[in-house]
């Protein structure tokens, strides 16, 4: 009887351990899955895409319109350490590593504790197995606390790499036309010089007009799924991302429409020249209606007719003597 009771006890402990392990996995996976789903609801997955020449891996200076930080590129053809890339930027990109490969709390200590705890739970114990009575209760509380900390850090890490859905201007828009501006260049509305950073390349009113036009026409071409038009408005790299996202929408039987685009405020972050290419990065606060429809029925599956405000950082590029093109779009924090 004693042997049977001991086996039953071991089985019960292992069962509890497996249940605990499943609970841990679910507690970590569900928030991340929600974050992924939320970030992917909009066109482009709420990511930052494109290239800014040698400054691709350097954050643009903050401005009045975007006082926070532009999120790093999730999709770019530019490789760290490639010719023209600054050494600090390349070193910074190489040092990022994975979630548990970074220094600090998650640089091994938390990862080790978490791994040990999960293995311990699977085998019926936990991070504090072997303790009894109040010590076991205290150990369980510490395990739960550690799990909550890891979940919070994981959520924070994910949000830094992927923009929340409600902060993404969803690529391009249906029948948007040029965005409506309340005051134009130099006024409280439209573009102005909002950054204290020097601009080695002079940007004038005609350039800002071109940026506003590209904003509206790119949105319209996107909503109309007009890839040929997008080729005249953006770099081949950006068109490749737009095309991939459009194909994903078609596979899901969806079509994204962004209308009533209005530029509320915009200012220059930085402008510079690299060889024969000019770059200008501007922050834009935009009001728009963003919704995703079921293809064929026009049933709204995401978004609404209520206008939302988003702030993004757009980089435009042009070859000497040519027209400006959309070179990068970054989300803001």
C-alpha atoms as a PDB file:
ATOM      1  CA  UNK A   1       0.000   0.000   0.000  1.00  0.00           C
ATOM      2  CA  UNK A   2       2.838   2.348   0.869  1.00  0.00           C
ATOM      3  CA  UNK A   3       4.374   1.759  -2.551  1.00  0.00           C
ATOM      4  CA  UNK A   4       1.062   2.480  -4.313  1.00  0.00           C
ATOM      5  CA  UNK A   5       0.537   5.639  -2.272  1.00  0.00           C
ATOM      6  CA  UNK A   6       4.084   6.768  -3.113  1.00  0.00           C
ATOM      7  CA  UNK A   7       3.488   6.152  -6.836  1.00  0.00           C
ATOM      8  CA  UNK A   8       0.168   8.004  -6.673  1.00  0.00           C
ATOM      9  CA  UNK A   9       1.893  10.889  -4.907  1.00  0.00           C
ATOM     10  CA  UNK A  10       4.673  11.041  -7.510  1.00  0.00           C
ATOM     11  CA  UNK A  11       2.112  10.876 -10.320  1.00  0.00           C
ATOM     12  CA  UNK A  12       0.101  13.646  -8.688  1.00  0.00           C
ATOM     13  CA  UNK A  13       3.198  15.804  -8.296  1.00  0.00           C
ATOM     14  CA  UNK A  14       4.164  15.248 -11.914  1.00  0.00           C
ATOM     15  CA  UNK A  15       0.629  16.066 -13.048  1.00  0.00           C
ATOM     16  CA  UNK A  16       0.690  19.283 -11.064  1.00  0.00           C
ATOM     17  CA  UNK A  17       4.102  20.043 -12.528  1.00  0.00           C
ATOM     18  CA  UNK A  18       2.869  19.547 -16.087  1.00  0.00           C
ATOM     19  CA  UNK A  19      -0.179  21.721 -15.412  1.00  0.00           C
ATOM     20  CA  UNK A  20       2.064  24.436 -13.995  1.00  0.00           C
ATOM     21  CA  UNK A  21       4.367  24.240 -17.016  1.00  0.00           C
ATOM     22  CA  UNK A  22       1.413  24.540 -19.383  1.00  0.00           C
ATOM     23  CA  UNK A  23       0.163  27.535 -17.405  1.00  0.00           C
ATOM     24  CA  UNK A  24       3.567  29.183 -17.716  1.00  0.00           C
ATOM     25  CA  UNK A  25       3.712  28.598 -21.468  1.00  0.00           C
ATOM     26  CA  UNK A  26       0.173  29.917 -21.938  1.00  0.00           C
ATOM     27  CA  UNK A  27       0.868  32.984 -19.787  1.00  0.00           C
ATOM     28  CA  UNK A  28       3.862  33.798 -22.000  1.00  0.00           C
ATOM     29  CA  UNK A  29       2.343  32.859 -25.337  1.00  0.00           C
ATOM     30  CA  UNK A  30      -1.088  34.485 -25.075  1.00  0.00           C
ATOM     31  CA  UNK A  31       0.108  38.091 -24.525  1.00  0.00           C
ATOM     32  CA  UNK A  32       2.688  37.738 -27.302  1.00  0.00           C
ATOM     33  CA  UNK A  33       0.106  36.248 -29.643  1.00  0.00           C
ATOM     34  CA  UNK A  34      -2.218  39.154 -28.883  1.00  0.00           C
ATOM     35  CA  UNK A  35       0.580  41.603 -29.557  1.00  0.00           C
ATOM     36  CA  UNK A  36       1.416  39.913 -32.858  1.00  0.00           C
ATOM     37  CA  UNK A  37      -2.220  39.832 -33.921  1.00  0.00           C
ATOM     38  CA  UNK A  38      -2.698  43.477 -33.024  1.00  0.00           C
ATOM     39  CA  UNK A  39       0.468  44.552 -34.815  1.00  0.00           C
ATOM     40  CA  UNK A  40      -0.393  42.547 -37.953  1.00  0.00           C
ATOM     41  CA  UNK A  41      -3.954  43.895 -38.221  1.00  0.00           C
ATOM     42  CA  UNK A  42      -2.820  46.752 -40.431  1.00  0.00           C
ATOM     43  CA  UNK A  43      -1.117  46.704 -43.785  1.00  0.00           C
ATOM     44  CA  UNK A  44       2.598  46.063 -43.479  1.00  0.00           C
ATOM     45  CA  UNK A  45       2.159  44.442 -40.083  1.00  0.00           C
ATOM     46  CA  UNK A  46       2.779  47.719 -38.267  1.00  0.00           C
ATOM     47  CA  UNK A  47       6.474  47.407 -39.004  1.00  0.00           C
ATOM     48  CA  UNK A  48       9.189  49.876 -39.930  1.00  0.00           C
ATOM     49  CA  UNK A  49      10.492  49.252 -43.429  1.00  0.00           C
ATOM     50  CA  UNK A  50      12.934  50.649 -45.957  1.00  0.00           C
ATOM     51  CA  UNK A  51      16.374  52.197 -46.092  1.00  0.00           C
ATOM     52  CA  UNK A  52      17.889  55.531 -45.089  1.00  0.00           C
ATOM     53  CA  UNK A  53      21.279  55.112 -46.706  1.00  0.00           C
ATOM     54  CA  UNK A  54      24.124  55.062 -44.208  1.00  0.00           C
ATOM     55  CA  UNK A  55      21.675  56.120 -41.458  1.00  0.00           C
ATOM     56  CA  UNK A  56      19.365  53.129 -41.819  1.00  0.00           C
ATOM     57  CA  UNK A  57      20.341  51.765 -38.402  1.00  0.00           C
ATOM     58  CA  UNK A  58      20.536  55.184 -36.721  1.00  0.00           C
ATOM     59  CA  UNK A  59      17.429  56.648 -35.123  1.00  0.00           C
ATOM     60  CA  UNK A  60      16.304  59.912 -36.757  1.00  0.00           C
ATOM     61  CA  UNK A  61      16.477  62.979 -34.479  1.00  0.00           C
ATOM     62  CA  UNK A  62      13.229  63.618 -32.625  1.00  0.00           C
ATOM     63  CA  UNK A  63      11.040  66.551 -33.637  1.00  0.00           C
ATOM     64  CA  UNK A  64       8.098  68.524 -32.320  1.00  0.00           C
ATOM     65  CA  UNK A  65       5.754  66.269 -34.273  1.00  0.00           C
ATOM     66  CA  UNK A  66       7.483  63.044 -33.168  1.00  0.00           C
ATOM     67  CA  UNK A  67       9.168  63.739 -29.809  1.00  0.00           C
ATOM     68  CA  UNK A  68       9.681  60.025 -29.199  1.00  0.00           C
ATOM     69  CA  UNK A  69      11.958  57.585 -30.978  1.00  0.00           C
ATOM     70  CA  UNK A  70      11.424  56.054 -34.398  1.00  0.00           C
ATOM     71  CA  UNK A  71      11.383  52.280 -34.190  1.00  0.00           C
ATOM     72  CA  UNK A  72      14.277  50.400 -35.837  1.00  0.00           C
ATOM     73  CA  UNK A  73      13.782  48.818 -39.238  1.00  0.00           C
ATOM     74  CA  UNK A  74      12.045  45.447 -39.251  1.00  0.00           C
ATOM     75  CA  UNK A  75      12.495  45.092 -42.996  1.00  0.00           C
ATOM     76  CA  UNK A  76      15.412  46.559 -44.932  1.00  0.00           C
ATOM     77  CA  UNK A  77      17.699  45.622 -47.793  1.00  0.00           C
ATOM     78  CA  UNK A  78      20.568  47.472 -46.124  1.00  0.00           C
ATOM     79  CA  UNK A  79      22.976  45.218 -44.239  1.00  0.00           C
ATOM     80  CA  UNK A  80      24.866  46.334 -41.122  1.00  0.00           C
ATOM     81  CA  UNK A  81      28.525  46.745 -41.913  1.00  0.00           C
ATOM     82  CA  UNK A  82      27.952  47.169 -45.640  1.00  0.00           C
ATOM     83  CA  UNK A  83      30.015  49.850 -47.423  1.00  0.00           C
ATOM     84  CA  UNK A  84      28.912  53.271 -46.326  1.00  0.00           C
ATOM     85  CA  UNK A  85      27.500  52.125 -43.015  1.00  0.00           C
ATOM     86  CA  UNK A  86      28.879  53.957 -40.016  1.00  0.00           C
ATOM     87  CA  UNK A  87      30.816  51.835 -37.551  1.00  0.00           C
ATOM     88  CA  UNK A  88      28.718  52.842 -34.496  1.00  0.00           C
ATOM     89  CA  UNK A  89      25.476  51.931 -36.258  1.00  0.00           C
ATOM     90  CA  UNK A  90      26.823  48.587 -37.427  1.00  0.00           C
ATOM     91  CA  UNK A  91      28.196  47.785 -33.998  1.00  0.00           C
ATOM     92  CA  UNK A  92      24.900  48.728 -32.373  1.00  0.00           C
ATOM     93  CA  UNK A  93      22.911  46.518 -34.722  1.00  0.00           C
ATOM     94  CA  UNK A  94      25.264  43.580 -34.208  1.00  0.00           C
ATOM     95  CA  UNK A  95      25.119  43.945 -30.439  1.00  0.00           C
ATOM     96  CA  UNK A  96      21.343  43.656 -30.216  1.00  0.00           C
ATOM     97  CA  UNK A  97      21.180  39.870 -30.373  1.00  0.00           C
ATOM     98  CA  UNK A  98      18.141  37.886 -29.379  1.00  0.00           C
ATOM     99  CA  UNK A  99      15.757  38.363 -26.516  1.00  0.00           C
ATOM    100  CA  UNK A 100      17.794  36.305 -24.045  1.00  0.00           C
ATOM    101  CA  UNK A 101      21.169  37.172 -25.582  1.00  0.00           C
ATOM    102  CA  UNK A 102      21.268  40.730 -24.339  1.00  0.00           C
ATOM    103  CA  UNK A 103      23.149  41.842 -21.220  1.00  0.00           C
ATOM    104  CA  UNK A 104      21.385  42.716 -18.013  1.00  0.00           C
ATOM    105  CA  UNK A 105      18.478  40.960 -16.363  1.00  0.00           C
ATOM    106  CA  UNK A 106      17.680  38.808 -19.392  1.00  0.00           C
ATOM    107  CA  UNK A 107      21.313  38.125 -20.234  1.00  0.00           C
ATOM    108  CA  UNK A 108      21.328  34.679 -18.713  1.00  0.00           C
ATOM    109  CA  UNK A 109      20.189  34.955 -15.112  1.00  0.00           C
ATOM    110  CA  UNK A 110      16.463  35.220 -15.814  1.00  0.00           C
ATOM    111  CA  UNK A 111      16.764  32.805 -18.722  1.00  0.00           C
ATOM    112  CA  UNK A 112      18.515  30.290 -16.489  1.00  0.00           C
ATOM    113  CA  UNK A 113      15.960  30.640 -13.723  1.00  0.00           C
ATOM    114  CA  UNK A 114      13.071  30.354 -16.167  1.00  0.00           C
ATOM    115  CA  UNK A 115      14.556  27.277 -17.842  1.00  0.00           C
ATOM    116  CA  UNK A 116      15.298  25.647 -14.522  1.00  0.00           C
ATOM    117  CA  UNK A 117      11.825  26.450 -13.255  1.00  0.00           C
ATOM    118  CA  UNK A 118      10.092  25.005 -16.295  1.00  0.00           C
ATOM    119  CA  UNK A 119      12.159  21.819 -16.136  1.00  0.00           C
ATOM    120  CA  UNK A 120      11.542  21.561 -12.430  1.00  0.00           C
ATOM    121  CA  UNK A 121       7.817  21.945 -12.899  1.00  0.00           C
ATOM    122  CA  UNK A 122       7.775  19.290 -15.587  1.00  0.00           C
ATOM    123  CA  UNK A 123       9.352  16.843 -13.151  1.00  0.00           C
ATOM    124  CA  UNK A 124       7.027  17.715 -10.332  1.00  0.00           C
ATOM    125  CA  UNK A 125       9.032  20.320  -8.469  1.00  0.00           C
ATOM    126  CA  UNK A 126       9.822  23.772  -9.698  1.00  0.00           C
ATOM    127  CA  UNK A 127      12.441  26.363  -9.055  1.00  0.00           C
ATOM    128  CA  UNK A 128      12.174  25.713  -5.340  1.00  0.00           C
ATOM    129  CA  UNK A 129      11.475  21.976  -5.286  1.00  0.00           C
ATOM    130  CA  UNK A 130      12.477  20.196  -2.147  1.00  0.00           C
ATOM    131  CA  UNK A 131      11.086  22.855   0.143  1.00  0.00           C
ATOM    132  CA  UNK A 132       7.990  22.140   2.140  1.00  0.00           C
ATOM    133  CA  UNK A 133       5.211  23.888   4.002  1.00  0.00           C
ATOM    134  CA  UNK A 134       5.469  27.678   4.024  1.00  0.00           C
ATOM    135  CA  UNK A 135       8.710  27.500   2.046  1.00  0.00           C
ATOM    136  CA  UNK A 136       6.887  25.826  -0.845  1.00  0.00           C
ATOM    137  CA  UNK A 137       4.202  28.501  -0.767  1.00  0.00           C
ATOM    138  CA  UNK A 138       6.858  31.211  -0.696  1.00  0.00           C
ATOM    139  CA  UNK A 139       8.621  29.517  -3.596  1.00  0.00           C
ATOM    140  CA  UNK A 140       5.402  29.364  -5.613  1.00  0.00           C
ATOM    141  CA  UNK A 141       4.818  33.078  -5.035  1.00  0.00           C
ATOM    142  CA  UNK A 142       8.318  33.842  -6.244  1.00  0.00           C
ATOM    143  CA  UNK A 143       7.757  31.683  -9.336  1.00  0.00           C
ATOM    144  CA  UNK A 144       4.573  33.553 -10.175  1.00  0.00           C
ATOM    145  CA  UNK A 145       6.331  36.878  -9.611  1.00  0.00           C
ATOM    146  CA  UNK A 146       9.185  35.876 -11.895  1.00  0.00           C
ATOM    147  CA  UNK A 147       6.735  34.745 -14.566  1.00  0.00           C
ATOM    148  CA  UNK A 148       4.924  38.105 -14.413  1.00  0.00           C
ATOM    149  CA  UNK A 149       8.243  39.963 -14.718  1.00  0.00           C
ATOM    150  CA  UNK A 150       9.306  37.884 -17.707  1.00  0.00           C
ATOM    151  CA  UNK A 151       5.918  38.390 -19.393  1.00  0.00           C
ATOM    152  CA  UNK A 152       6.110  42.145 -18.834  1.00  0.00           C
ATOM    153  CA  UNK A 153       9.642  42.322 -20.211  1.00  0.00           C
ATOM    154  CA  UNK A 154       8.662  40.163 -23.169  1.00  0.00           C
ATOM    155  CA  UNK A 155       5.722  42.446 -23.944  1.00  0.00           C
ATOM    156  CA  UNK A 156       7.919  45.536 -23.643  1.00  0.00           C
ATOM    157  CA  UNK A 157      10.569  43.998 -25.895  1.00  0.00           C
ATOM    158  CA  UNK A 158       8.014  43.014 -28.491  1.00  0.00           C
ATOM    159  CA  UNK A 159       6.385  46.469 -28.493  1.00  0.00           C
ATOM    160  CA  UNK A 160       9.776  48.100 -29.045  1.00  0.00           C
ATOM    161  CA  UNK A 161      10.307  45.976 -32.163  1.00  0.00           C
ATOM    162  CA  UNK A 162       6.746  46.046 -33.495  1.00  0.00           C
ATOM    163  CA  UNK A 163       4.500  48.959 -33.465  1.00  0.00           C
ATOM    164  CA  UNK A 164       1.078  48.715 -31.948  1.00  0.00           C
ATOM    165  CA  UNK A 165      -1.732  48.534 -34.486  1.00  0.00           C
ATOM    166  CA  UNK A 166      -3.249  51.878 -33.555  1.00  0.00           C
ATOM    167  CA  UNK A 167       0.025  53.662 -34.287  1.00  0.00           C
ATOM    168  CA  UNK A 168       0.409  52.511 -37.860  1.00  0.00           C
ATOM    169  CA  UNK A 169      -0.833  54.490 -40.832  1.00  0.00           C
ATOM    170  CA  UNK A 170      -1.287  51.369 -42.824  1.00  0.00           C
ATOM    171  CA  UNK A 171       0.450  52.073 -45.974  1.00  0.00           C
ATOM    172  CA  UNK A 172      -1.431  53.571 -48.666  1.00  0.00           C
ATOM    173  CA  UNK A 173      -5.145  54.653 -49.184  1.00  0.00           C
ATOM    174  CA  UNK A 174      -8.226  54.519 -51.320  1.00  0.00           C
ATOM    175  CA  UNK A 175      -9.207  57.631 -53.154  1.00  0.00           C
ATOM    176  CA  UNK A 176      -7.230  59.569 -50.606  1.00  0.00           C
ATOM    177  CA  UNK A 177      -5.713  62.037 -53.039  1.00  0.00           C
ATOM    178  CA  UNK A 178      -3.290  64.604 -51.685  1.00  0.00           C
ATOM    179  CA  UNK A 179      -3.704  64.982 -47.919  1.00  0.00           C
ATOM    180  CA  UNK A 180      -5.680  67.996 -46.753  1.00  0.00           C
ATOM    181  CA  UNK A 181      -3.664  70.535 -44.821  1.00  0.00           C
ATOM    182  CA  UNK A 182      -5.009  73.178 -42.521  1.00  0.00           C
ATOM    183  CA  UNK A 183      -2.339  75.837 -42.885  1.00  0.00           C
ATOM    184  CA  UNK A 184       0.431  74.782 -45.259  1.00  0.00           C
ATOM    185  CA  UNK A 185       4.182  75.280 -44.991  1.00  0.00           C
ATOM    186  CA  UNK A 186       5.498  77.283 -42.044  1.00  0.00           C
ATOM    187  CA  UNK A 187       2.182  77.528 -40.184  1.00  0.00           C
ATOM    188  CA  UNK A 188       0.898  75.620 -37.199  1.00  0.00           C
ATOM    189  CA  UNK A 189      -0.364  72.981 -39.601  1.00  0.00           C
ATOM    190  CA  UNK A 190       1.564  71.224 -42.367  1.00  0.00           C
ATOM    191  CA  UNK A 191       5.337  71.096 -42.467  1.00  0.00           C
ATOM    192  CA  UNK A 192       7.694  73.224 -40.406  1.00  0.00           C
ATOM    193  CA  UNK A 193      11.224  73.017 -39.057  1.00  0.00           C
ATOM    194  CA  UNK A 194      10.630  71.291 -35.750  1.00  0.00           C
ATOM    195  CA  UNK A 195      14.077  69.819 -35.087  1.00  0.00           C
ATOM    196  CA  UNK A 196      17.088  71.547 -33.594  1.00  0.00           C
ATOM    197  CA  UNK A 197      19.376  69.302 -35.657  1.00  0.00           C
ATOM    198  CA  UNK A 198      21.219  70.975 -38.546  1.00  0.00           C
ATOM    199  CA  UNK A 199      20.194  69.979 -42.071  1.00  0.00           C
ATOM    200  CA  UNK A 200      23.234  69.660 -44.365  1.00  0.00           C
ATOM    201  CA  UNK A 201      20.823  69.475 -47.322  1.00  0.00           C
ATOM    202  CA  UNK A 202      18.546  72.447 -47.776  1.00  0.00           C
ATOM    203  CA  UNK A 203      14.850  71.536 -47.929  1.00  0.00           C
ATOM    204  CA  UNK A 204      12.466  74.160 -49.284  1.00  0.00           C
ATOM    205  CA  UNK A 205       8.716  74.664 -49.729  1.00  0.00           C
ATOM    206  CA  UNK A 206       8.667  72.786 -53.059  1.00  0.00           C
ATOM    207  CA  UNK A 207      10.207  69.765 -51.327  1.00  0.00           C
ATOM    208  CA  UNK A 208       7.562  69.792 -48.593  1.00  0.00           C
ATOM    209  CA  UNK A 209       4.860  70.042 -51.255  1.00  0.00           C
ATOM    210  CA  UNK A 210       6.371  66.961 -52.894  1.00  0.00           C
ATOM    211  CA  UNK A 211       6.344  65.086 -49.556  1.00  0.00           C
ATOM    212  CA  UNK A 212       2.641  65.879 -49.013  1.00  0.00           C
ATOM    213  CA  UNK A 213       1.817  64.814 -52.556  1.00  0.00           C
ATOM    214  CA  UNK A 214       3.691  61.531 -52.120  1.00  0.00           C
ATOM    215  CA  UNK A 215       1.858  60.878 -48.853  1.00  0.00           C
ATOM    216  CA  UNK A 216      -1.550  61.186 -50.507  1.00  0.00           C
ATOM    217  CA  UNK A 217      -0.708  59.488 -53.800  1.00  0.00           C
ATOM    218  CA  UNK A 218       1.048  56.571 -52.119  1.00  0.00           C
ATOM    219  CA  UNK A 219      -1.954  56.023 -49.861  1.00  0.00           C
ATOM    220  CA  UNK A 220      -4.325  56.151 -52.852  1.00  0.00           C
ATOM    221  CA  UNK A 221      -2.226  53.770 -54.971  1.00  0.00           C
ATOM    222  CA  UNK A 222      -2.016  51.338 -52.063  1.00  0.00           C
ATOM    223  CA  UNK A 223      -5.776  51.275 -51.501  1.00  0.00           C
ATOM    224  CA  UNK A 224      -6.376  50.842 -55.221  1.00  0.00           C
ATOM    225  CA  UNK A 225      -3.786  48.038 -55.268  1.00  0.00           C
ATOM    226  CA  UNK A 226      -2.094  49.878 -58.128  1.00  0.00           C
ATOM    227  CA  UNK A 227       1.417  48.421 -58.073  1.00  0.00           C
ATOM    228  CA  UNK A 228       2.353  50.159 -61.319  1.00  0.00           C
ATOM    229  CA  UNK A 229       1.583  53.536 -59.731  1.00  0.00           C
ATOM    230  CA  UNK A 230       3.507  52.603 -56.605  1.00  0.00           C
ATOM    231  CA  UNK A 231       6.589  52.040 -58.781  1.00  0.00           C
ATOM    232  CA  UNK A 232       6.452  55.741 -59.703  1.00  0.00           C
ATOM    233  CA  UNK A 233       6.144  56.870 -56.081  1.00  0.00           C
ATOM    234  CA  UNK A 234       8.516  54.682 -54.065  1.00  0.00           C
ATOM    235  CA  UNK A 235      11.862  52.948 -54.303  1.00  0.00           C
ATOM    236  CA  UNK A 236      11.974  49.379 -55.642  1.00  0.00           C
ATOM    237  CA  UNK A 237      12.632  48.171 -52.102  1.00  0.00           C
ATOM    238  CA  UNK A 238       9.501  49.810 -50.704  1.00  0.00           C
ATOM    239  CA  UNK A 239       7.424  48.603 -53.656  1.00  0.00           C
ATOM    240  CA  UNK A 240       8.575  45.051 -52.910  1.00  0.00           C
ATOM    241  CA  UNK A 241       7.231  45.382 -49.343  1.00  0.00           C
ATOM    242  CA  UNK A 242       3.964  46.955 -50.540  1.00  0.00           C
ATOM    243  CA  UNK A 243       3.524  44.161 -53.088  1.00  0.00           C
ATOM    244  CA  UNK A 244       4.162  41.446 -50.523  1.00  0.00           C
ATOM    245  CA  UNK A 245       1.611  42.978 -48.141  1.00  0.00           C
ATOM    246  CA  UNK A 246      -0.959  43.323 -50.919  1.00  0.00           C
ATOM    247  CA  UNK A 247      -0.483  39.660 -51.796  1.00  0.00           C
ATOM    248  CA  UNK A 248      -1.002  38.735 -48.156  1.00  0.00           C
ATOM    249  CA  UNK A 249      -4.258  40.706 -48.118  1.00  0.00           C
ATOM    250  CA  UNK A 250      -5.437  38.931 -51.270  1.00  0.00           C
ATOM    251  CA  UNK A 251      -4.625  35.551 -49.748  1.00  0.00           C
ATOM    252  CA  UNK A 252      -6.808  36.501 -46.766  1.00  0.00           C
ATOM    253  CA  UNK A 253      -9.536  37.762 -49.123  1.00  0.00           C
ATOM    254  CA  UNK A 254      -9.127  41.259 -47.651  1.00  0.00           C
ATOM    255  CA  UNK A 255      -8.579  44.712 -49.075  1.00  0.00           C
ATOM    256  CA  UNK A 256      -7.339  47.657 -47.020  1.00  0.00           C
ATOM    257  CA  UNK A 257      -8.789  51.117 -47.587  1.00  0.00           C
ATOM    258  CA  UNK A 258      -7.346  54.287 -46.104  1.00  0.00           C
ATOM    259  CA  UNK A 259      -9.370  57.419 -46.834  1.00  0.00           C
ATOM    260  CA  UNK A 260      -9.815  61.020 -45.680  1.00  0.00           C
ATOM    261  CA  UNK A 261      -6.063  61.467 -45.299  1.00  0.00           C
ATOM    262  CA  UNK A 262      -5.230  64.799 -43.690  1.00  0.00           C
ATOM    263  CA  UNK A 263      -1.777  66.022 -42.728  1.00  0.00           C
ATOM    264  CA  UNK A 264      -2.156  67.622 -39.306  1.00  0.00           C
ATOM    265  CA  UNK A 265       1.469  68.489 -38.676  1.00  0.00           C
ATOM    266  CA  UNK A 266       4.881  67.718 -40.113  1.00  0.00           C
ATOM    267  CA  UNK A 267       8.467  68.780 -39.600  1.00  0.00           C
ATOM    268  CA  UNK A 268      11.961  67.945 -40.756  1.00  0.00           C
ATOM    269  CA  UNK A 269      14.030  65.501 -38.751  1.00  0.00           C
ATOM    270  CA  UNK A 270      17.168  65.522 -40.883  1.00  0.00           C
ATOM    271  CA  UNK A 271      18.308  65.911 -44.479  1.00  0.00           C
ATOM    272  CA  UNK A 272      21.616  64.936 -46.037  1.00  0.00           C
ATOM    273  CA  UNK A 273      23.378  63.902 -49.214  1.00  0.00           C
ATOM    274  CA  UNK A 274      25.288  60.702 -49.928  1.00  0.00           C
ATOM    275  CA  UNK A 275      27.064  60.731 -53.259  1.00  0.00           C
ATOM    276  CA  UNK A 276      24.398  61.325 -55.910  1.00  0.00           C
ATOM    277  CA  UNK A 277      21.480  60.593 -53.571  1.00  0.00           C
ATOM    278  CA  UNK A 278      19.613  63.110 -51.399  1.00  0.00           C
ATOM    279  CA  UNK A 279      17.721  61.993 -48.295  1.00  0.00           C
ATOM    280  CA  UNK A 280      15.108  63.798 -46.200  1.00  0.00           C
ATOM    281  CA  UNK A 281      13.467  62.310 -43.110  1.00  0.00           C
ATOM    282  CA  UNK A 282      10.300  64.007 -41.890  1.00  0.00           C
ATOM    283  CA  UNK A 283       7.871  63.311 -39.055  1.00  0.00           C
ATOM    284  CA  UNK A 284       4.188  63.437 -39.971  1.00  0.00           C
ATOM    285  CA  UNK A 285       1.084  63.442 -37.828  1.00  0.00           C
ATOM    286  CA  UNK A 286      -1.795  62.242 -39.965  1.00  0.00           C
ATOM    287  CA  UNK A 287      -5.543  61.892 -39.555  1.00  0.00           C
ATOM    288  CA  UNK A 288      -7.127  59.129 -41.620  1.00  0.00           C
ATOM    289  CA  UNK A 289      -9.851  56.521 -41.832  1.00  0.00           C
ATOM    290  CA  UNK A 290      -8.338  53.042 -41.942  1.00  0.00           C
ATOM    291  CA  UNK A 291     -10.434  49.938 -42.419  1.00  0.00           C
ATOM    292  CA  UNK A 292     -10.047  46.467 -43.889  1.00  0.00           C
ATOM    293  CA  UNK A 293     -12.902  45.058 -45.974  1.00  0.00           C
ATOM    294  CA  UNK A 294     -13.784  41.555 -47.054  1.00  0.00           C
ATOM    295  CA  UNK A 295     -13.032  41.356 -50.750  1.00  0.00           C
ATOM    296  CA  UNK A 296     -16.218  41.077 -52.804  1.00  0.00           C
ATOM    297  CA  UNK A 297     -18.691  41.878 -50.027  1.00  0.00           C
ATOM    298  CA  UNK A 298     -17.099  45.063 -48.595  1.00  0.00           C
ATOM    299  CA  UNK A 299     -17.929  43.831 -45.117  1.00  0.00           C
ATOM    300  CA  UNK A 300     -15.769  45.621 -42.554  1.00  0.00           C
ATOM    301  CA  UNK A 301     -13.490  43.091 -40.836  1.00  0.00           C
ATOM    302  CA  UNK A 302     -11.140  45.547 -39.132  1.00  0.00           C
ATOM    303  CA  UNK A 303     -11.144  49.268 -38.401  1.00  0.00           C
ATOM    304  CA  UNK A 304     -14.075  51.640 -38.779  1.00  0.00           C
ATOM    305  CA  UNK A 305     -15.228  54.878 -40.392  1.00  0.00           C
ATOM    306  CA  UNK A 306     -13.985  56.844 -37.387  1.00  0.00           C
ATOM    307  CA  UNK A 307     -10.845  58.869 -38.182  1.00  0.00           C
ATOM    308  CA  UNK A 308      -7.727  58.057 -36.187  1.00  0.00           C
ATOM    309  CA  UNK A 309      -4.503  59.985 -35.720  1.00  0.00           C
ATOM    310  CA  UNK A 310      -1.129  58.368 -36.313  1.00  0.00           C
ATOM    311  CA  UNK A 311       2.437  59.658 -36.251  1.00  0.00           C
ATOM    312  CA  UNK A 312       5.034  58.162 -38.562  1.00  0.00           C
ATOM    313  CA  UNK A 313       8.514  59.059 -39.754  1.00  0.00           C
ATOM    314  CA  UNK A 314       8.916  58.942 -43.537  1.00  0.00           C
ATOM    315  CA  UNK A 315      12.204  59.121 -45.408  1.00  0.00           C
ATOM    316  CA  UNK A 316      12.282  60.333 -48.998  1.00  0.00           C
ATOM    317  CA  UNK A 317      15.162  59.839 -51.426  1.00  0.00           C
ATOM    318  CA  UNK A 318      16.028  61.222 -54.859  1.00  0.00           C
ATOM    319  CA  UNK A 319      18.854  60.894 -57.297  1.00  0.00           C
ATOM    320  CA  UNK A 320      20.492  64.168 -58.267  1.00  0.00           C
ATOM    321  CA  UNK A 321      18.044  65.985 -60.535  1.00  0.00           C
ATOM    322  CA  UNK A 322      15.270  63.374 -60.198  1.00  0.00           C
ATOM    323  CA  UNK A 323      12.009  63.347 -58.220  1.00  0.00           C
ATOM    324  CA  UNK A 324      11.582  62.379 -54.582  1.00  0.00           C
ATOM    325  CA  UNK A 325      10.484  58.808 -53.788  1.00  0.00           C
ATOM    326  CA  UNK A 326       9.337  57.114 -50.576  1.00  0.00           C
ATOM    327  CA  UNK A 327      12.404  55.315 -49.238  1.00  0.00           C
ATOM    328  CA  UNK A 328      11.348  54.294 -45.715  1.00  0.00           C
ATOM    329  CA  UNK A 329       8.416  54.420 -43.292  1.00  0.00           C
ATOM    330  CA  UNK A 330       9.049  54.055 -39.575  1.00  0.00           C
ATOM    331  CA  UNK A 331       6.696  53.748 -36.652  1.00  0.00           C
ATOM    332  CA  UNK A 332       7.152  55.890 -33.549  1.00  0.00           C
ATOM    333  CA  UNK A 333       7.161  55.107 -29.842  1.00  0.00           C
END
